[in-house]
Amino acid sequence: MLLPDERAVRAVRPDFAALAKLPFLVSVTAPGDEQDIASRVFAAYHGVNEDPVTGAAHAALVPFWAGRSAASGSPRSRQAREPVLHCRLEDDRVVLSAGSAEP
């Protein structure tokens, strides 16, 4: 779900019982305040209410944001309150690294 800003992403209060019935990841995302992408990922069906860092979600989020972000092919992302993820598109692949290291 695309939200207007990072504050809205942080304000989401999911219904985990309802999410537990959905057999897939559910992401909310918006432009970030201090990075290009803000997101949260919920996987209640899989026994994880909120996943703090999700590579699978970023495999979809990075291409989605690639044409919308000023960073284009190398956006920085923060999921929930975890370390910044450095992301890079390489053809049809997403390369991720956490913290200060660039991928």
C-alpha atoms as a PDB file:
ATOM      1  CA  MET A   1       0.000   0.000   0.000  1.00  0.00           C
ATOM      2  CA  LEU A   2       1.399   3.375  -1.006  1.00  0.00           C
ATOM      3  CA  LEU A   3       1.109   6.036   1.701  1.00  0.00           C
ATOM      4  CA  PRO A   4       1.832   9.771   1.487  1.00  0.00           C
ATOM      5  CA  ASP A   5       4.836   9.969   3.836  1.00  0.00           C
ATOM      6  CA  GLU A   6       7.010   8.171   6.386  1.00  0.00           C
ATOM      7  CA  ARG A   7       4.908   9.434   9.274  1.00  0.00           C
ATOM      8  CA  ALA A   8       1.900   7.610   7.813  1.00  0.00           C
ATOM      9  CA  VAL A   9       3.975   4.421   7.454  1.00  0.00           C
ATOM     10  CA  ARG A  10       4.987   4.597  11.117  1.00  0.00           C
ATOM     11  CA  ALA A  11       1.394   5.293  12.180  1.00  0.00           C
ATOM     12  CA  VAL A  12      -0.054   2.112  10.632  1.00  0.00           C
ATOM     13  CA  ARG A  13      -1.710  -0.076  13.262  1.00  0.00           C
ATOM     14  CA  PRO A  14      -2.333  -3.394  11.505  1.00  0.00           C
ATOM     15  CA  ASP A  15      -5.077  -5.889  12.315  1.00  0.00           C
ATOM     16  CA  PHE A  16      -2.813  -8.909  12.754  1.00  0.00           C
ATOM     17  CA  ALA A  17      -5.760 -11.321  13.040  1.00  0.00           C
ATOM     18  CA  ALA A  18      -6.979 -10.214   9.600  1.00  0.00           C
ATOM     19  CA  LEU A  19      -3.444 -10.285   8.165  1.00  0.00           C
ATOM     20  CA  ALA A  20      -2.992 -13.846   9.488  1.00  0.00           C
ATOM     21  CA  LYS A  21      -5.578 -14.941   6.908  1.00  0.00           C
ATOM     22  CA  LEU A  22      -3.555 -13.585   3.969  1.00  0.00           C
ATOM     23  CA  PRO A  23      -0.886 -16.031   2.701  1.00  0.00           C
ATOM     24  CA  PHE A  24       1.512 -13.323   1.537  1.00  0.00           C
ATOM     25  CA  LEU A  25       3.571 -10.390   2.757  1.00  0.00           C
ATOM     26  CA  VAL A  26       1.785  -7.075   3.130  1.00  0.00           C
ATOM     27  CA  SER A  27       3.901  -3.937   2.702  1.00  0.00           C
ATOM     28  CA  VAL A  28       3.186  -0.283   3.343  1.00  0.00           C
ATOM     29  CA  THR A  29       5.568   2.228   1.803  1.00  0.00           C
ATOM     30  CA  ALA A  30       6.097   5.941   1.242  1.00  0.00           C
ATOM     31  CA  PRO A  31       8.877   8.366   0.429  1.00  0.00           C
ATOM     32  CA  GLY A  32      11.255   8.460   3.394  1.00  0.00           C
ATOM     33  CA  ASP A  33      12.187  11.468   5.495  1.00  0.00           C
ATOM     34  CA  GLU A  34      15.952  10.821   5.646  1.00  0.00           C
ATOM     35  CA  GLN A  35      16.172   8.077   3.004  1.00  0.00           C
ATOM     36  CA  ASP A  36      14.440   7.411  -0.306  1.00  0.00           C
ATOM     37  CA  ILE A  37      12.078   4.639   0.821  1.00  0.00           C
ATOM     38  CA  ALA A  38      10.198   4.057   4.085  1.00  0.00           C
ATOM     39  CA  SER A  39       8.399   0.758   4.556  1.00  0.00           C
ATOM     40  CA  ARG A  40       6.981  -1.767   6.962  1.00  0.00           C
ATOM     41  CA  VAL A  41       6.275  -5.408   6.157  1.00  0.00           C
ATOM     42  CA  PHE A  42       3.730  -7.671   7.837  1.00  0.00           C
ATOM     43  CA  ALA A  43       3.769 -11.470   7.548  1.00  0.00           C
ATOM     44  CA  ALA A  44       1.285 -12.608  10.197  1.00  0.00           C
ATOM     45  CA  TYR A  45       0.199 -15.600   8.097  1.00  0.00           C
ATOM     46  CA  HIS A  46       3.778 -16.857   8.325  1.00  0.00           C
ATOM     47  CA  GLY A  47       3.995 -16.310  12.083  1.00  0.00           C
ATOM     48  CA  VAL A  48       5.807 -12.958  11.966  1.00  0.00           C
ATOM     49  CA  ASN A  49       3.532 -10.035  12.732  1.00  0.00           C
ATOM     50  CA  GLU A  50       6.058  -7.465  11.548  1.00  0.00           C
ATOM     51  CA  ASP A  51       9.323  -8.394   9.879  1.00  0.00           C
ATOM     52  CA  PRO A  52      12.011  -5.805  10.762  1.00  0.00           C
ATOM     53  CA  VAL A  53      14.090  -6.240   7.562  1.00  0.00           C
ATOM     54  CA  THR A  54      12.704  -8.104   4.552  1.00  0.00           C
ATOM     55  CA  GLY A  55      14.823  -8.790   1.483  1.00  0.00           C
ATOM     56  CA  ALA A  56      11.864 -10.301  -0.379  1.00  0.00           C
ATOM     57  CA  ALA A  57       9.804  -7.149   0.082  1.00  0.00           C
ATOM     58  CA  HIS A  58      12.670  -4.988  -1.154  1.00  0.00           C
ATOM     59  CA  ALA A  59      12.946  -7.134  -4.273  1.00  0.00           C
ATOM     60  CA  ALA A  60       9.551  -5.615  -5.148  1.00  0.00           C
ATOM     61  CA  LEU A  61       9.894  -2.203  -3.481  1.00  0.00           C
ATOM     62  CA  VAL A  62      13.186  -1.187  -5.122  1.00  0.00           C
ATOM     63  CA  PRO A  63      11.927  -1.588  -8.711  1.00  0.00           C
ATOM     64  CA  PHE A  64       8.668   0.131  -7.725  1.00  0.00           C
ATOM     65  CA  TRP A  65      10.533   3.136  -6.331  1.00  0.00           C
ATOM     66  CA  ALA A  66      13.300   3.159  -8.967  1.00  0.00           C
ATOM     67  CA  GLY A  67      11.349   5.428 -11.296  1.00  0.00           C
ATOM     68  CA  ARG A  68       9.919   7.532  -8.480  1.00  0.00           C
ATOM     69  CA  SER A  69      12.975   8.201  -6.310  1.00  0.00           C
ATOM     70  CA  ALA A  70      15.634  10.829  -6.789  1.00  0.00           C
ATOM     71  CA  ALA A  71      18.165   8.049  -6.119  1.00  0.00           C
ATOM     72  CA  SER A  72      16.644   6.060  -9.005  1.00  0.00           C
ATOM     73  CA  GLY A  73      18.735   2.860  -9.332  1.00  0.00           C
ATOM     74  CA  SER A  74      20.428   3.123  -5.905  1.00  0.00           C
ATOM     75  CA  PRO A  75      17.813   4.119  -3.334  1.00  0.00           C
ATOM     76  CA  ARG A  76      18.364   4.043   0.416  1.00  0.00           C
ATOM     77  CA  SER A  77      15.605   2.422   2.431  1.00  0.00           C
ATOM     78  CA  ARG A  78      14.577   2.124   6.051  1.00  0.00           C
ATOM     79  CA  GLN A  79      12.138  -0.576   7.087  1.00  0.00           C
ATOM     80  CA  ALA A  80      10.451   0.111  10.391  1.00  0.00           C
ATOM     81  CA  ARG A  81      13.251   1.364  12.643  1.00  0.00           C
ATOM     82  CA  GLU A  82      16.009  -0.918  11.428  1.00  0.00           C
ATOM     83  CA  PRO A  83      19.328   0.107   9.861  1.00  0.00           C
ATOM     84  CA  VAL A  84      19.290   1.790   6.496  1.00  0.00           C
ATOM     85  CA  LEU A  85      19.383  -0.606   3.551  1.00  0.00           C
ATOM     86  CA  HIS A  86      21.426   0.409   0.540  1.00  0.00           C
ATOM     87  CA  CYS A  87      19.740  -0.945  -2.566  1.00  0.00           C
ATOM     88  CA  ARG A  88      20.856  -1.189  -6.154  1.00  0.00           C
ATOM     89  CA  LEU A  89      19.163  -2.438  -9.291  1.00  0.00           C
ATOM     90  CA  GLU A  90      21.397  -4.577 -11.498  1.00  0.00           C
ATOM     91  CA  ASP A  91      19.407  -5.502 -14.583  1.00  0.00           C
ATOM     92  CA  ASP A  92      16.594  -7.669 -13.162  1.00  0.00           C
ATOM     93  CA  ARG A  93      18.169  -8.143  -9.695  1.00  0.00           C
ATOM     94  CA  VAL A  94      18.049  -6.120  -6.488  1.00  0.00           C
ATOM     95  CA  VAL A  95      21.285  -6.017  -4.460  1.00  0.00           C
ATOM     96  CA  LEU A  96      20.934  -5.103  -0.765  1.00  0.00           C
ATOM     97  CA  SER A  97      23.361  -4.253   2.006  1.00  0.00           C
ATOM     98  CA  ALA A  98      22.672  -2.975   5.513  1.00  0.00           C
ATOM     99  CA  GLY A  99      24.254  -0.211   7.532  1.00  0.00           C
ATOM    100  CA  SER A 100      26.966   1.979   6.082  1.00  0.00           C
ATOM    101  CA  ALA A 101      28.178  -0.446   3.396  1.00  0.00           C
ATOM    102  CA  GLU A 102      27.128   0.258  -0.171  1.00  0.00           C
ATOM    103  CA  PRO A 103      26.105  -2.838  -2.189  1.00  0.00           C
END
